[in-house]
């Protein structure tokens, strides 16, 4: 029983004696984080598209992709 008490005490001293590196806080402006905002007007034909879109620029132009019912829509 004394061994467990001694090991627990030794572990607590070793765990508490480590010095942590100071963490640097990074300050960012909100306008730097916002890159694009996309507003879609939905009607009866597009109301079930959802909100998870992916934007790509290809050789043929700009493409907006999403999945619906296991189909890729662009």
N, C-alpha and C. Protein backbone atom coordinates (compact mmCIF):
# COMPACT_ATOMS: atom_id res chain seq x y z
N UNK A 1 0.82 -1.19 0.00
CA UNK A 1 0.00 0.00 0.00
C UNK A 1 0.87 1.26 0.00
N UNK A 2 1.97 1.18 0.73
CA UNK A 2 2.87 2.34 0.77
C UNK A 2 3.51 2.58 -0.59
N UNK A 3 3.72 1.50 -1.35
CA UNK A 3 4.32 1.66 -2.67
C UNK A 3 3.40 2.45 -3.59
N UNK A 4 2.10 2.13 -3.56
CA UNK A 4 1.16 2.85 -4.39
C UNK A 4 1.06 4.32 -3.98
N UNK A 5 1.09 4.57 -2.69
CA UNK A 5 1.05 5.93 -2.20
C UNK A 5 2.30 6.69 -2.63
N UNK A 6 3.45 6.04 -2.52
CA UNK A 6 4.71 6.67 -2.93
C UNK A 6 4.73 6.91 -4.44
N UNK A 7 4.29 5.91 -5.23
CA UNK A 7 4.25 6.08 -6.68
C UNK A 7 3.27 7.18 -7.09
N UNK A 8 2.13 7.26 -6.45
CA UNK A 8 1.17 8.30 -6.74
C UNK A 8 1.71 9.69 -6.40
N UNK A 9 2.39 9.79 -5.27
CA UNK A 9 2.99 11.07 -4.87
C UNK A 9 4.11 11.46 -5.84
N UNK A 10 4.94 10.51 -6.24
CA UNK A 10 6.04 10.79 -7.18
C UNK A 10 5.47 11.20 -8.55
N UNK A 11 4.43 10.54 -8.98
CA UNK A 11 3.81 10.89 -10.26
C UNK A 11 3.22 12.29 -10.22
N UNK A 12 2.57 12.63 -9.10
CA UNK A 12 1.98 13.97 -8.97
C UNK A 12 3.05 15.04 -8.99
N UNK A 13 4.18 14.81 -8.35
CA UNK A 13 5.26 15.81 -8.34
C UNK A 13 5.86 15.94 -9.74
N UNK A 14 6.07 14.83 -10.43
CA UNK A 14 6.63 14.91 -11.78
C UNK A 14 5.66 15.55 -12.76
N UNK A 15 4.38 15.27 -12.62
CA UNK A 15 3.39 15.83 -13.53
C UNK A 15 3.22 17.33 -13.31
N UNK A 16 3.35 17.78 -12.10
CA UNK A 16 3.17 19.20 -11.81
C UNK A 16 4.43 20.03 -12.04
N UNK A 17 5.56 19.39 -12.14
CA UNK A 17 6.80 20.16 -12.24
C UNK A 17 7.16 20.53 -13.68
N UNK A 18 6.47 19.99 -14.68
CA UNK A 18 6.77 20.32 -16.05
C UNK A 18 6.32 21.75 -16.35
N UNK A 19 7.17 22.49 -17.02
CA UNK A 19 6.80 23.84 -17.40
C UNK A 19 6.17 23.82 -18.78
N UNK A 20 5.11 24.56 -18.93
CA UNK A 20 4.44 24.62 -20.21
C UNK A 20 4.94 25.84 -20.98
N UNK A 21 5.03 25.67 -22.28
CA UNK A 21 5.42 26.78 -23.13
C UNK A 21 4.25 27.77 -23.20
N UNK A 22 4.56 29.03 -23.15
CA UNK A 22 3.46 30.01 -23.25
C UNK A 22 2.82 29.96 -24.64
N UNK A 23 1.52 30.01 -24.66
CA UNK A 23 0.82 29.97 -25.93
C UNK A 23 0.60 31.40 -26.42
N UNK A 24 0.85 31.61 -27.69
CA UNK A 24 0.67 32.92 -28.29
C UNK A 24 -0.74 33.01 -28.88
N UNK A 25 -1.43 34.06 -28.54
CA UNK A 25 -2.76 34.28 -29.09
C UNK A 25 -2.64 34.99 -30.42
N UNK A 26 -3.45 34.55 -31.35
CA UNK A 26 -3.44 35.12 -32.68
C UNK A 26 -4.70 35.95 -32.85
N UNK A 27 -4.53 37.21 -33.17
CA UNK A 27 -5.66 38.11 -33.36
C UNK A 27 -5.87 38.32 -34.85
N UNK A 28 -7.09 38.06 -35.30
CA UNK A 28 -7.44 38.22 -36.71
C UNK A 28 -8.65 39.14 -36.83
N UNK A 29 -8.69 39.88 -37.89
CA UNK A 29 -9.86 40.70 -38.18
C UNK A 29 -10.93 39.81 -38.82
N UNK A 30 -12.17 40.07 -38.51
CA UNK A 30 -13.26 39.28 -39.06
C UNK A 30 -13.35 39.46 -40.57
N UNK A 31 -13.04 40.65 -41.06
CA UNK A 31 -13.10 40.89 -42.50
C UNK A 31 -12.04 40.10 -43.26
N UNK A 32 -10.94 39.73 -42.60
CA UNK A 32 -9.92 38.90 -43.25
C UNK A 32 -10.39 37.46 -43.40
N UNK A 33 -11.25 37.01 -42.51
CA UNK A 33 -11.73 35.63 -42.55
C UNK A 33 -12.86 35.44 -43.55
N UNK A 34 -13.62 36.47 -43.81
CA UNK A 34 -14.74 36.37 -44.73
C UNK A 34 -14.22 36.61 -46.14
N UNK A 35 -14.36 35.60 -46.98
CA UNK A 35 -13.88 35.75 -48.35
C UNK A 35 -15.02 36.01 -49.32
N UNK A 36 -16.07 35.24 -49.25
CA UNK A 36 -17.19 35.39 -50.17
C UNK A 36 -18.49 35.09 -49.44
N UNK A 37 -19.53 35.73 -49.88
CA UNK A 37 -20.86 35.43 -49.39
C UNK A 37 -21.74 35.20 -50.60
N UNK A 38 -22.48 34.13 -50.57
CA UNK A 38 -23.32 33.76 -51.71
C UNK A 38 -24.77 33.72 -51.24
N UNK A 39 -25.60 34.47 -51.91
CA UNK A 39 -27.04 34.46 -51.63
C UNK A 39 -27.75 33.83 -52.82
N UNK A 40 -28.52 32.79 -52.54
CA UNK A 40 -29.29 32.12 -53.59
C UNK A 40 -30.77 32.34 -53.33
N UNK A 41 -31.45 32.83 -54.33
CA UNK A 41 -32.90 32.92 -54.22
C UNK A 41 -33.48 31.57 -54.60
N UNK A 42 -34.23 31.00 -53.68
CA UNK A 42 -34.79 29.68 -53.93
C UNK A 42 -36.25 29.82 -54.31
N UNK A 43 -36.64 29.00 -55.30
CA UNK A 43 -38.03 28.95 -55.72
C UNK A 43 -38.52 27.51 -55.60
N UNK A 44 -39.60 27.19 -56.21
CA UNK A 44 -40.16 25.85 -56.09
C UNK A 44 -39.27 24.79 -56.74
N UNK A 45 -38.46 25.18 -57.72
CA UNK A 45 -37.58 24.22 -58.39
C UNK A 45 -36.25 24.02 -57.65
N UNK A 46 -35.82 25.01 -56.90
CA UNK A 46 -34.51 24.93 -56.26
C UNK A 46 -34.59 24.89 -54.74
N UNK A 47 -35.77 24.74 -54.16
CA UNK A 47 -35.90 24.80 -52.71
C UNK A 47 -35.26 23.61 -51.99
N UNK A 48 -35.08 22.48 -52.67
CA UNK A 48 -34.54 21.29 -52.01
C UNK A 48 -33.07 21.06 -52.32
N UNK A 49 -32.36 22.08 -52.78
CA UNK A 49 -30.94 21.93 -53.07
C UNK A 49 -30.09 21.84 -51.81
N UNK A 50 -30.55 22.39 -50.72
CA UNK A 50 -29.78 22.35 -49.48
C UNK A 50 -28.87 23.55 -49.36
N UNK A 51 -27.88 23.44 -48.48
CA UNK A 51 -26.98 24.57 -48.26
C UNK A 51 -25.52 24.18 -48.32
N UNK A 52 -25.20 22.95 -48.63
CA UNK A 52 -23.81 22.49 -48.69
C UNK A 52 -23.33 22.53 -50.14
N UNK A 53 -22.73 23.65 -50.51
CA UNK A 53 -22.25 23.84 -51.88
C UNK A 53 -20.73 23.89 -51.88
N UNK A 54 -20.15 23.54 -53.00
CA UNK A 54 -18.70 23.65 -53.21
C UNK A 54 -18.48 24.50 -54.46
N UNK A 55 -17.57 25.45 -54.36
CA UNK A 55 -17.29 26.37 -55.46
C UNK A 55 -15.94 26.03 -56.08
N UNK A 56 -15.90 25.90 -57.39
CA UNK A 56 -14.66 25.58 -58.10
C UNK A 56 -14.53 26.50 -59.31
N UNK A 57 -13.30 26.81 -59.63
CA UNK A 57 -13.01 27.52 -60.87
C UNK A 57 -12.31 26.55 -61.80
N UNK A 58 -12.91 26.30 -62.95
CA UNK A 58 -12.36 25.35 -63.92
C UNK A 58 -11.94 26.11 -65.17
N UNK A 59 -11.45 25.37 -66.14
CA UNK A 59 -11.06 25.98 -67.41
C UNK A 59 -12.26 26.59 -68.14
N UNK A 60 -13.43 25.97 -67.95
CA UNK A 60 -14.61 26.45 -68.64
C UNK A 60 -15.35 27.54 -67.87
N UNK A 61 -14.94 27.82 -66.65
CA UNK A 61 -15.59 28.89 -65.88
C UNK A 61 -15.76 28.51 -64.43
N UNK A 62 -16.66 29.20 -63.76
CA UNK A 62 -16.93 28.98 -62.35
C UNK A 62 -18.07 27.98 -62.19
N UNK A 63 -17.92 27.06 -61.23
CA UNK A 63 -18.89 25.98 -61.05
C UNK A 63 -19.28 25.91 -59.58
N UNK A 64 -20.55 25.72 -59.32
CA UNK A 64 -21.08 25.51 -57.98
C UNK A 64 -21.66 24.11 -57.93
N UNK A 65 -21.15 23.27 -57.03
CA UNK A 65 -21.55 21.85 -56.97
C UNK A 65 -22.25 21.54 -55.66
N UNK A 66 -23.16 20.58 -55.71
CA UNK A 66 -23.81 20.05 -54.53
C UNK A 66 -24.30 18.63 -54.81
N UNK A 67 -24.60 17.88 -53.77
CA UNK A 67 -25.15 16.53 -53.90
C UNK A 67 -26.61 16.54 -53.49
N UNK A 68 -27.42 15.81 -54.24
CA UNK A 68 -28.84 15.62 -53.91
C UNK A 68 -29.25 14.23 -54.36
N UNK A 69 -29.74 13.45 -53.44
CA UNK A 69 -30.18 12.07 -53.73
C UNK A 69 -29.10 11.27 -54.44
N UNK A 70 -27.87 11.34 -53.94
CA UNK A 70 -26.71 10.64 -54.49
C UNK A 70 -26.41 11.03 -55.94
N UNK A 71 -26.78 12.25 -56.31
CA UNK A 71 -26.46 12.77 -57.63
C UNK A 71 -25.67 14.05 -57.46
N UNK A 72 -24.71 14.25 -58.31
CA UNK A 72 -23.92 15.46 -58.30
C UNK A 72 -24.57 16.49 -59.21
N UNK A 73 -24.94 17.63 -58.64
CA UNK A 73 -25.58 18.69 -59.38
C UNK A 73 -24.63 19.87 -59.49
N UNK A 74 -24.59 20.50 -60.69
CA UNK A 74 -23.75 21.69 -60.85
C UNK A 74 -24.47 22.73 -61.66
